[in-house]
Amino acid sequence: MSDLLPLFPLPNVVLFPNVFLPLHIFEPRYRAMIADALASDRLIGMVLLRPGWERDYEGRPPVYATGCSGVITHAERLPDGRYNVVLRGLDCFRIVRENVELSYRRAIVEPVPERPLDHADRQAIHEARAKIESILAQQVRTTDAKIPAAMADDDLVNALAQYLDLEPLEKQALLEQPSLRARAASLVQLLEMKLMISRTPGVSNFAH
């Protein structure tokens, strides 16, 4: 990561390692951020805004300290200066101190490496995958929602954590897990809870 990582705070998006995220950039300060990133290392950091952000959105409302860096793999600059970009999640980080010199937010960050996986971890993640697939099979009926069998367990856990219809704070809690095994176990617990809730008459399903 660069010494000062550009930060892109959003109220409802949490990026996970090795997962792709399409973004449409329209605010002038974040157009400048993307232009600067494309001219350097193409890295930005996604962070989640804390509740109450609406009162100071144009300024620098508080964000959660843990985020995920991403590399811009695709960028399209539109005629009016907006951007369509695609990020690929890289590594979790923790904000140490923000820098206020530019119009957009930047920070000194420290990496938060996930604990390396051993054989027992990978077996547990594989078992968690089976549980997740079973839960989702009870929620999703359409064939286009099936999980690709060829997707690696690691990538599947992170992709589902990012793209399932979960609350932003639930996704943030998953991101902050110390290892992929812990994230997989937490995702299973979360989905099991939501499955029970969804069986209550009048409560809608969580997966789509």
C-alpha atoms as a PDB file:
ATOM      1  CA  MET A   1       0.000   0.000   0.000  1.00  0.00           C
ATOM      2  CA  SER A   2       1.077   3.571  -0.620  1.00  0.00           C
ATOM      3  CA  ASP A   3       2.005   5.827   2.311  1.00  0.00           C
ATOM      4  CA  LEU A   4      -1.283   7.690   1.980  1.00  0.00           C
ATOM      5  CA  LEU A   5      -4.165   5.525   0.814  1.00  0.00           C
ATOM      6  CA  PRO A   6      -7.118   7.334  -0.817  1.00  0.00           C
ATOM      7  CA  LEU A   7     -10.320   6.485   1.036  1.00  0.00           C
ATOM      8  CA  PHE A   8     -13.722   6.044  -0.587  1.00  0.00           C
ATOM      9  CA  PRO A   9     -16.342   6.006   2.192  1.00  0.00           C
ATOM     10  CA  LEU A  10     -19.823   4.699   1.408  1.00  0.00           C
ATOM     11  CA  PRO A  11     -22.813   3.989   3.669  1.00  0.00           C
ATOM     12  CA  ASN A  12     -23.723   0.578   2.284  1.00  0.00           C
ATOM     13  CA  VAL A  13     -20.703  -1.038   0.594  1.00  0.00           C
ATOM     14  CA  VAL A  14     -18.036  -3.269   2.160  1.00  0.00           C
ATOM     15  CA  LEU A  15     -15.245  -4.620  -0.043  1.00  0.00           C
ATOM     16  CA  PHE A  16     -13.675  -8.043   0.628  1.00  0.00           C
ATOM     17  CA  PRO A  17     -10.332  -9.483  -0.499  1.00  0.00           C
ATOM     18  CA  ASN A  18     -10.259 -10.917  -4.027  1.00  0.00           C
ATOM     19  CA  VAL A  19     -13.840  -9.849  -4.808  1.00  0.00           C
ATOM     20  CA  PHE A  20     -14.696  -7.487  -7.668  1.00  0.00           C
ATOM     21  CA  LEU A  21     -16.761  -4.363  -7.107  1.00  0.00           C
ATOM     22  CA  PRO A  22     -18.152  -2.091  -9.850  1.00  0.00           C
ATOM     23  CA  LEU A  23     -18.473   1.572  -8.904  1.00  0.00           C
ATOM     24  CA  HIS A  24     -19.879   4.678 -10.544  1.00  0.00           C
ATOM     25  CA  ILE A  25     -17.943   7.779  -9.490  1.00  0.00           C
ATOM     26  CA  PHE A  26     -19.754  11.097  -9.887  1.00  0.00           C
ATOM     27  CA  GLU A  27     -18.801  13.442  -7.019  1.00  0.00           C
ATOM     28  CA  PRO A  28     -16.060  15.902  -8.032  1.00  0.00           C
ATOM     29  CA  ARG A  29     -13.819  15.046  -5.055  1.00  0.00           C
ATOM     30  CA  TYR A  30     -13.935  11.350  -5.862  1.00  0.00           C
ATOM     31  CA  ARG A  31     -13.435  11.955  -9.569  1.00  0.00           C
ATOM     32  CA  ALA A  32     -10.186  13.633  -8.528  1.00  0.00           C
ATOM     33  CA  MET A  33      -9.388  10.647  -6.322  1.00  0.00           C
ATOM     34  CA  ILE A  34      -9.814   8.205  -9.203  1.00  0.00           C
ATOM     35  CA  ALA A  35      -7.776  10.375 -11.569  1.00  0.00           C
ATOM     36  CA  ASP A  36      -4.942  10.545  -9.033  1.00  0.00           C
ATOM     37  CA  ALA A  37      -5.109   6.803  -8.346  1.00  0.00           C
ATOM     38  CA  LEU A  38      -4.975   5.982 -12.051  1.00  0.00           C
ATOM     39  CA  ALA A  39      -1.902   8.202 -12.376  1.00  0.00           C
ATOM     40  CA  SER A  40      -0.116   6.350  -9.554  1.00  0.00           C
ATOM     41  CA  ASP A  41      -0.595   2.841  -8.112  1.00  0.00           C
ATOM     42  CA  ARG A  42      -4.344   2.461  -8.889  1.00  0.00           C
ATOM     43  CA  LEU A  43      -5.098   1.701  -5.224  1.00  0.00           C
ATOM     44  CA  ILE A  44      -7.962   3.051  -3.129  1.00  0.00           C
ATOM     45  CA  GLY A  45      -9.407   1.946   0.187  1.00  0.00           C
ATOM     46  CA  MET A  46     -13.093   1.211   0.708  1.00  0.00           C
ATOM     47  CA  VAL A  47     -14.418   2.111   4.166  1.00  0.00           C
ATOM     48  CA  LEU A  48     -17.906   2.044   5.656  1.00  0.00           C
ATOM     49  CA  LEU A  49     -19.481   5.215   7.001  1.00  0.00           C
ATOM     50  CA  ARG A  50     -20.687   5.045  10.587  1.00  0.00           C
ATOM     51  CA  PRO A  51     -24.381   5.640  11.378  1.00  0.00           C
ATOM     52  CA  GLY A  52     -25.263   9.322  11.415  1.00  0.00           C
ATOM     53  CA  TRP A  53     -23.087  10.091   8.397  1.00  0.00           C
ATOM     54  CA  GLU A  54     -25.929  12.057   6.761  1.00  0.00           C
ATOM     55  CA  ARG A  55     -25.320  15.066   9.023  1.00  0.00           C
ATOM     56  CA  ASP A  56     -21.863  15.701   7.569  1.00  0.00           C
ATOM     57  CA  TYR A  57     -21.670  13.800   4.291  1.00  0.00           C
ATOM     58  CA  GLU A  58     -20.107  16.732   2.429  1.00  0.00           C
ATOM     59  CA  GLY A  59     -17.382  16.892   5.074  1.00  0.00           C
ATOM     60  CA  ARG A  60     -15.563  14.016   6.725  1.00  0.00           C
ATOM     61  CA  PRO A  61     -18.088  11.957   8.701  1.00  0.00           C
ATOM     62  CA  PRO A  62     -16.732   9.152  10.899  1.00  0.00           C
ATOM     63  CA  VAL A  63     -15.907   5.827   9.284  1.00  0.00           C
ATOM     64  CA  TYR A  64     -15.107   2.393  10.653  1.00  0.00           C
ATOM     65  CA  ALA A  65     -11.374   2.004  11.161  1.00  0.00           C
ATOM     66  CA  THR A  66     -11.112  -1.301   9.290  1.00  0.00           C
ATOM     67  CA  GLY A  67     -11.463  -1.308   5.519  1.00  0.00           C
ATOM     68  CA  CYS A  68     -10.220  -3.151   2.458  1.00  0.00           C
ATOM     69  CA  SER A  69      -7.896  -1.847  -0.212  1.00  0.00           C
ATOM     70  CA  GLY A  70      -8.661  -2.445  -3.855  1.00  0.00           C
ATOM     71  CA  VAL A  71      -6.860  -2.090  -7.152  1.00  0.00           C
ATOM     72  CA  ILE A  72      -8.628  -0.474 -10.091  1.00  0.00           C
ATOM     73  CA  THR A  73      -8.680  -3.175 -12.755  1.00  0.00           C
ATOM     74  CA  HIS A  74     -10.893  -1.293 -15.201  1.00  0.00           C
ATOM     75  CA  ALA A  75     -11.645   2.401 -15.603  1.00  0.00           C
ATOM     76  CA  GLU A  76     -13.830   4.246 -18.084  1.00  0.00           C
ATOM     77  CA  ARG A  77     -13.905   8.034 -18.015  1.00  0.00           C
ATOM     78  CA  LEU A  78     -17.198   9.382 -19.304  1.00  0.00           C
ATOM     79  CA  PRO A  79     -17.428  12.603 -21.369  1.00  0.00           C
ATOM     80  CA  ASP A  80     -18.780  14.594 -18.415  1.00  0.00           C
ATOM     81  CA  GLY A  81     -15.907  13.532 -16.149  1.00  0.00           C
ATOM     82  CA  ARG A  82     -17.636  10.752 -14.259  1.00  0.00           C
ATOM     83  CA  TYR A  83     -16.001   7.323 -14.037  1.00  0.00           C
ATOM     84  CA  ASN A  84     -17.121   3.730 -14.206  1.00  0.00           C
ATOM     85  CA  VAL A  85     -14.510   1.613 -12.457  1.00  0.00           C
ATOM     86  CA  VAL A  86     -14.063  -1.943 -11.261  1.00  0.00           C
ATOM     87  CA  LEU A  87     -12.092  -2.694  -8.091  1.00  0.00           C
ATOM     88  CA  ARG A  88     -10.590  -5.991  -7.037  1.00  0.00           C
ATOM     89  CA  GLY A  89     -10.289  -6.332  -3.297  1.00  0.00           C
ATOM     90  CA  LEU A  90      -6.758  -6.806  -1.983  1.00  0.00           C
ATOM     91  CA  ASP A  91      -6.000  -6.547   1.742  1.00  0.00           C
ATOM     92  CA  CYS A  92      -7.680  -5.462   4.948  1.00  0.00           C
ATOM     93  CA  PHE A  93      -6.240  -2.405   6.662  1.00  0.00           C
ATOM     94  CA  ARG A  94      -6.741  -0.253   9.731  1.00  0.00           C
ATOM     95  CA  ILE A  95      -6.739   3.538   9.605  1.00  0.00           C
ATOM     96  CA  VAL A  96      -3.967   5.043  11.709  1.00  0.00           C
ATOM     97  CA  ARG A  97      -4.418   8.730  10.892  1.00  0.00           C
ATOM     98  CA  GLU A  98      -6.263  10.700   8.239  1.00  0.00           C
ATOM     99  CA  ASN A  99      -4.699  13.374   6.055  1.00  0.00           C
ATOM    100  CA  VAL A 100      -6.805  16.464   5.241  1.00  0.00           C
ATOM    101  CA  GLU A 101      -4.653  18.158   2.597  1.00  0.00           C
ATOM    102  CA  LEU A 102      -6.808  17.250  -0.427  1.00  0.00           C
ATOM    103  CA  SER A 103     -10.505  17.465  -1.220  1.00  0.00           C
ATOM    104  CA  TYR A 104     -10.887  13.693  -0.867  1.00  0.00           C
ATOM    105  CA  ARG A 105      -9.948  11.622   2.140  1.00  0.00           C
ATOM    106  CA  ARG A 106      -6.576   9.895   2.509  1.00  0.00           C
ATOM    107  CA  ALA A 107      -5.049   8.064   5.419  1.00  0.00           C
ATOM    108  CA  ILE A 108      -1.961   6.430   6.773  1.00  0.00           C
ATOM    109  CA  VAL A 109      -3.020   2.811   7.214  1.00  0.00           C
ATOM    110  CA  GLU A 110      -1.522  -0.358   8.606  1.00  0.00           C
ATOM    111  CA  PRO A 111      -2.196  -3.782   7.080  1.00  0.00           C
ATOM    112  CA  VAL A 112      -4.362  -6.241   8.986  1.00  0.00           C
ATOM    113  CA  PRO A 113      -3.169  -9.614   7.692  1.00  0.00           C
ATOM    114  CA  GLU A 114      -5.536 -12.532   8.126  1.00  0.00           C
ATOM    115  CA  ARG A 115      -4.209 -15.514  10.020  1.00  0.00           C
ATOM    116  CA  PRO A 116      -2.678 -18.099   7.629  1.00  0.00           C
ATOM    117  CA  LEU A 117      -4.809 -21.178   7.012  1.00  0.00           C
ATOM    118  CA  ASP A 118      -3.677 -24.686   7.859  1.00  0.00           C
ATOM    119  CA  HIS A 119      -5.262 -27.972   6.772  1.00  0.00           C
ATOM    120  CA  ALA A 120      -7.776 -27.947   9.626  1.00  0.00           C
ATOM    121  CA  ASP A 121      -8.821 -24.402   8.740  1.00  0.00           C
ATOM    122  CA  ARG A 122      -9.397 -25.302   5.103  1.00  0.00           C
ATOM    123  CA  GLN A 123     -11.426 -28.343   6.082  1.00  0.00           C
ATOM    124  CA  ALA A 124     -13.574 -26.205   8.381  1.00  0.00           C
ATOM    125  CA  ILE A 125     -14.084 -23.637   5.619  1.00  0.00           C
ATOM    126  CA  HIS A 126     -15.092 -26.392   3.207  1.00  0.00           C
ATOM    127  CA  GLU A 127     -17.628 -27.694   5.718  1.00  0.00           C
ATOM    128  CA  ALA A 128     -18.926 -24.157   6.224  1.00  0.00           C
ATOM    129  CA  ARG A 129     -19.350 -23.856   2.458  1.00  0.00           C
ATOM    130  CA  ALA A 130     -21.605 -26.919   2.445  1.00  0.00           C
ATOM    131  CA  LYS A 131     -23.732 -25.410   5.216  1.00  0.00           C
ATOM    132  CA  ILE A 132     -23.951 -22.090   3.393  1.00  0.00           C
ATOM    133  CA  GLU A 133     -24.992 -23.766   0.147  1.00  0.00           C
ATOM    134  CA  SER A 134     -27.657 -25.742   2.017  1.00  0.00           C
ATOM    135  CA  ILE A 135     -29.064 -22.611   3.641  1.00  0.00           C
ATOM    136  CA  LEU A 136     -29.118 -20.657   0.392  1.00  0.00           C
ATOM    137  CA  ALA A 137     -30.751 -23.571  -1.429  1.00  0.00           C
ATOM    138  CA  GLN A 138     -33.679 -23.194   0.952  1.00  0.00           C
ATOM    139  CA  GLN A 139     -33.925 -19.487   0.174  1.00  0.00           C
ATOM    140  CA  VAL A 140     -33.145 -19.269  -3.534  1.00  0.00           C
ATOM    141  CA  ARG A 141     -35.262 -21.121  -6.053  1.00  0.00           C
ATOM    142  CA  THR A 142     -34.023 -19.777  -9.374  1.00  0.00           C
ATOM    143  CA  THR A 143     -31.354 -21.674 -11.304  1.00  0.00           C
ATOM    144  CA  ASP A 144     -29.313 -18.550 -12.050  1.00  0.00           C
ATOM    145  CA  ALA A 145     -28.678 -18.095  -8.325  1.00  0.00           C
ATOM    146  CA  LYS A 146     -26.763 -21.352  -7.955  1.00  0.00           C
ATOM    147  CA  ILE A 147     -23.245 -21.111  -6.579  1.00  0.00           C
ATOM    148  CA  PRO A 148     -20.564 -22.014  -9.159  1.00  0.00           C
ATOM    149  CA  ALA A 149     -19.092 -25.355  -8.143  1.00  0.00           C
ATOM    150  CA  ALA A 150     -15.673 -24.373  -9.483  1.00  0.00           C
ATOM    151  CA  MET A 151     -15.370 -21.332  -7.197  1.00  0.00           C
ATOM    152  CA  ALA A 152     -12.744 -21.851  -4.506  1.00  0.00           C
ATOM    153  CA  ASP A 153     -13.969 -21.975  -0.915  1.00  0.00           C
ATOM    154  CA  ASP A 154     -11.949 -18.868   0.016  1.00  0.00           C
ATOM    155  CA  ASP A 155     -13.355 -16.799  -2.827  1.00  0.00           C
ATOM    156  CA  LEU A 156     -16.889 -18.038  -2.218  1.00  0.00           C
ATOM    157  CA  VAL A 157     -16.929 -16.978   1.433  1.00  0.00           C
ATOM    158  CA  ASN A 158     -15.684 -13.484   0.602  1.00  0.00           C
ATOM    159  CA  ALA A 159     -17.970 -13.096  -2.418  1.00  0.00           C
ATOM    160  CA  LEU A 160     -21.063 -14.093  -0.451  1.00  0.00           C
ATOM    161  CA  ALA A 161     -20.062 -11.835   2.435  1.00  0.00           C
ATOM    162  CA  GLN A 162     -19.919  -8.951  -0.030  1.00  0.00           C
ATOM    163  CA  TYR A 163     -22.899  -9.651  -2.258  1.00  0.00           C
ATOM    164  CA  LEU A 164     -25.565 -11.324  -0.137  1.00  0.00           C
ATOM    165  CA  ASP A 165     -28.357  -9.015   0.956  1.00  0.00           C
ATOM    166  CA  LEU A 166     -26.938  -8.386   4.422  1.00  0.00           C
ATOM    167  CA  GLU A 167     -26.969  -5.236   6.502  1.00  0.00           C
ATOM    168  CA  PRO A 168     -23.853  -3.066   6.039  1.00  0.00           C
ATOM    169  CA  LEU A 169     -22.913  -3.478   9.714  1.00  0.00           C
ATOM    170  CA  GLU A 170     -23.192  -7.255   9.340  1.00  0.00           C
ATOM    171  CA  LYS A 171     -20.806  -7.120   6.399  1.00  0.00           C
ATOM    172  CA  GLN A 172     -18.437  -4.902   8.366  1.00  0.00           C
ATOM    173  CA  ALA A 173     -18.425  -7.433  11.212  1.00  0.00           C
ATOM    174  CA  LEU A 174     -17.577 -10.183   8.719  1.00  0.00           C
ATOM    175  CA  LEU A 175     -14.725  -8.117   7.269  1.00  0.00           C
ATOM    176  CA  GLU A 176     -13.274  -7.606  10.741  1.00  0.00           C
ATOM    177  CA  GLN A 177     -13.039 -11.328  11.486  1.00  0.00           C
ATOM    178  CA  PRO A 178      -9.410 -12.326  12.193  1.00  0.00           C
ATOM    179  CA  SER A 179      -9.290 -15.177   9.676  1.00  0.00           C
ATOM    180  CA  LEU A 180     -11.174 -16.619   6.754  1.00  0.00           C
ATOM    181  CA  ARG A 181     -12.195 -19.568   8.936  1.00  0.00           C
ATOM    182  CA  ALA A 182     -13.732 -17.199  11.487  1.00  0.00           C
ATOM    183  CA  ARG A 183     -15.456 -15.271   8.684  1.00  0.00           C
ATOM    184  CA  ALA A 184     -16.927 -18.484   7.262  1.00  0.00           C
ATOM    185  CA  ALA A 185     -18.192 -19.582  10.684  1.00  0.00           C
ATOM    186  CA  SER A 186     -19.709 -16.153  11.343  1.00  0.00           C
ATOM    187  CA  LEU A 187     -21.392 -16.161   7.937  1.00  0.00           C
ATOM    188  CA  VAL A 188     -22.949 -19.558   8.668  1.00  0.00           C
ATOM    189  CA  GLN A 189     -24.284 -18.308  12.009  1.00  0.00           C
ATOM    190  CA  LEU A 190     -25.651 -15.161  10.416  1.00  0.00           C
ATOM    191  CA  LEU A 191     -27.395 -17.035   7.612  1.00  0.00           C
ATOM    192  CA  GLU A 192     -28.838 -19.596  10.025  1.00  0.00           C
ATOM    193  CA  MET A 193     -30.309 -16.777  12.094  1.00  0.00           C
ATOM    194  CA  LYS A 194     -31.763 -15.107   9.003  1.00  0.00           C
ATOM    195  CA  LEU A 195     -33.199 -18.408   7.822  1.00  0.00           C
ATOM    196  CA  MET A 196     -35.090 -18.774  11.087  1.00  0.00           C
ATOM    197  CA  ILE A 197     -36.340 -15.204  10.832  1.00  0.00           C
ATOM    198  CA  SER A 198     -37.396 -15.670   7.203  1.00  0.00           C
ATOM    199  CA  ARG A 199     -39.598 -18.600   8.192  1.00  0.00           C
ATOM    200  CA  THR A 200     -41.668 -16.237  10.298  1.00  0.00           C
ATOM    201  CA  PRO A 201     -44.871 -15.302   8.394  1.00  0.00           C
ATOM    202  CA  GLY A 202     -44.630 -11.889   6.808  1.00  0.00           C
ATOM    203  CA  VAL A 203     -40.805 -11.719   6.830  1.00  0.00           C
ATOM    204  CA  SER A 204     -39.132 -11.587   3.401  1.00  0.00           C
ATOM    205  CA  ASN A 205     -36.189 -13.722   2.282  1.00  0.00           C
ATOM    206  CA  PHE A 206     -32.673 -12.315   2.588  1.00  0.00           C
ATOM    207  CA  ALA A 207     -31.028 -13.855  -0.498  1.00  0.00           C
ATOM    208  CA  HIS A 208     -31.653 -12.883  -4.067  1.00  0.00           C
END
